[in-house]
Amino acid sequence: MSPLFKCLGCGQNIERSTKTFWKKKGHILCSTCQDKIEKETAFTQTK
């Protein structure tokens, strides 16, 4: 079982591998927050 980490966006507990945690340098986001950021980024790039 993978450990639980806190999402940086909303604080929700999410299950990720320790390898992913170190690869992302602790900057782990849940899928909802990640989708939200990607949407905002795509919107600002189209302006």
N, C-alpha and C. Protein backbone atom coordinates (compact mmCIF):
# COMPACT_ATOMS: atom_id res chain seq x y z
N MET A 1 0.84 -1.19 0.00
CA MET A 1 0.00 0.00 0.00
C MET A 1 0.88 1.24 0.00
N SER A 2 0.57 2.17 -0.86
CA SER A 2 1.34 3.42 -0.96
C SER A 2 0.98 4.36 0.18
N PRO A 3 1.94 5.20 0.59
CA PRO A 3 1.66 6.14 1.68
C PRO A 3 0.72 7.27 1.24
N LEU A 4 0.13 7.95 2.23
CA LEU A 4 -0.76 9.08 1.97
C LEU A 4 0.01 10.38 2.09
N PHE A 5 -0.22 11.27 1.15
CA PHE A 5 0.38 12.60 1.17
C PHE A 5 -0.73 13.63 1.07
N LYS A 6 -0.47 14.84 1.50
CA LYS A 6 -1.45 15.93 1.41
C LYS A 6 -1.31 16.63 0.07
N CYS A 7 -2.44 16.91 -0.55
CA CYS A 7 -2.46 17.70 -1.78
C CYS A 7 -2.08 19.13 -1.42
N LEU A 8 -1.20 19.75 -2.20
CA LEU A 8 -0.80 21.13 -1.93
C LEU A 8 -1.92 22.13 -2.21
N GLY A 9 -2.86 21.76 -3.06
CA GLY A 9 -3.94 22.67 -3.41
C GLY A 9 -5.06 22.72 -2.39
N CYS A 10 -5.55 21.53 -2.00
CA CYS A 10 -6.74 21.49 -1.14
C CYS A 10 -6.52 20.78 0.19
N GLY A 11 -5.38 20.11 0.36
CA GLY A 11 -5.09 19.43 1.62
C GLY A 11 -5.69 18.04 1.73
N GLN A 12 -6.31 17.56 0.69
CA GLN A 12 -6.91 16.23 0.68
C GLN A 12 -5.81 15.18 0.74
N ASN A 13 -6.07 14.09 1.47
CA ASN A 13 -5.12 12.97 1.51
C ASN A 13 -5.21 12.20 0.21
N ILE A 14 -4.05 12.00 -0.43
CA ILE A 14 -4.01 11.23 -1.67
C ILE A 14 -2.92 10.18 -1.57
N GLU A 15 -3.16 9.06 -2.22
CA GLU A 15 -2.22 7.94 -2.19
C GLU A 15 -1.30 8.02 -3.40
N ARG A 16 -0.02 8.16 -3.15
CA ARG A 16 0.99 8.20 -4.21
C ARG A 16 2.21 7.41 -3.74
N SER A 17 2.99 6.96 -4.68
CA SER A 17 4.21 6.24 -4.32
C SER A 17 5.25 7.22 -3.80
N THR A 18 6.15 6.72 -2.97
CA THR A 18 7.23 7.56 -2.45
C THR A 18 8.12 8.03 -3.58
N LYS A 19 8.29 7.19 -4.60
CA LYS A 19 9.10 7.56 -5.77
C LYS A 19 8.52 8.80 -6.45
N THR A 20 7.19 8.83 -6.61
CA THR A 20 6.53 9.99 -7.22
C THR A 20 6.71 11.22 -6.34
N PHE A 21 6.59 11.04 -5.02
CA PHE A 21 6.77 12.15 -4.08
C PHE A 21 8.13 12.79 -4.25
N TRP A 22 9.18 11.99 -4.31
CA TRP A 22 10.54 12.54 -4.45
C TRP A 22 10.76 13.10 -5.85
N LYS A 23 10.18 12.46 -6.86
CA LYS A 23 10.31 12.94 -8.24
C LYS A 23 9.71 14.34 -8.38
N LYS A 24 8.58 14.56 -7.73
CA LYS A 24 7.89 15.86 -7.78
C LYS A 24 8.38 16.80 -6.68
N LYS A 25 9.39 16.37 -5.92
CA LYS A 25 9.97 17.16 -4.82
C LYS A 25 8.92 17.58 -3.80
N GLY A 26 7.98 16.68 -3.55
CA GLY A 26 6.95 16.93 -2.54
C GLY A 26 5.78 17.76 -3.02
N HIS A 27 5.79 18.17 -4.27
CA HIS A 27 4.70 19.00 -4.81
C HIS A 27 3.64 18.09 -5.43
N ILE A 28 2.83 17.49 -4.58
CA ILE A 28 1.83 16.53 -5.01
C ILE A 28 0.47 17.21 -5.07
N LEU A 29 -0.25 17.02 -6.17
CA LEU A 29 -1.60 17.56 -6.33
C LEU A 29 -2.58 16.42 -6.59
N CYS A 30 -3.80 16.57 -6.08
CA CYS A 30 -4.84 15.61 -6.43
C CYS A 30 -5.28 15.88 -7.87
N SER A 31 -6.01 14.97 -8.45
CA SER A 31 -6.40 15.13 -9.86
C SER A 31 -7.29 16.34 -10.07
N THR A 32 -8.14 16.67 -9.10
CA THR A 32 -9.03 17.82 -9.23
C THR A 32 -8.23 19.12 -9.30
N CYS A 33 -7.28 19.29 -8.39
CA CYS A 33 -6.45 20.50 -8.38
C CYS A 33 -5.56 20.58 -9.61
N GLN A 34 -5.04 19.44 -10.03
CA GLN A 34 -4.18 19.40 -11.22
C GLN A 34 -4.98 19.80 -12.47
N ASP A 35 -6.20 19.30 -12.60
CA ASP A 35 -7.06 19.67 -13.73
C ASP A 35 -7.38 21.16 -13.71
N LYS A 36 -7.64 21.68 -12.53
CA LYS A 36 -7.97 23.11 -12.38
C LYS A 36 -6.80 23.98 -12.83
N ILE A 37 -5.59 23.63 -12.43
CA ILE A 37 -4.39 24.39 -12.80
C ILE A 37 -4.15 24.29 -14.31
N GLU A 38 -4.31 23.10 -14.87
CA GLU A 38 -4.12 22.92 -16.31
C GLU A 38 -5.13 23.74 -17.10
N LYS A 39 -6.38 23.81 -16.63
CA LYS A 39 -7.41 24.61 -17.29
C LYS A 39 -7.05 26.09 -17.26
N GLU A 40 -6.61 26.58 -16.10
CA GLU A 40 -6.22 27.98 -15.96
C GLU A 40 -5.03 28.31 -16.85
N THR A 41 -4.07 27.41 -16.92
CA THR A 41 -2.89 27.62 -17.75
C THR A 41 -3.28 27.67 -19.23
N ALA A 42 -4.13 26.77 -19.65
CA ALA A 42 -4.58 26.74 -21.05
C ALA A 42 -5.36 28.00 -21.38
N PHE A 43 -6.16 28.48 -20.44
CA PHE A 43 -6.96 29.69 -20.67
C PHE A 43 -6.07 30.91 -20.83
N THR A 44 -5.03 31.04 -20.00
CA THR A 44 -4.15 32.20 -20.08
C THR A 44 -3.27 32.15 -21.33
N GLN A 45 -2.97 30.97 -21.83
CA GLN A 45 -2.15 30.85 -23.03
C GLN A 45 -2.93 31.21 -24.29
N THR A 46 -4.26 31.09 -24.24
CA THR A 46 -5.07 31.39 -25.42
C THR A 46 -5.38 32.88 -25.54
N LYS A 47 -5.12 33.64 -24.52
CA LYS A 47 -5.38 35.09 -24.56
C LYS A 47 -4.41 35.82 -25.44
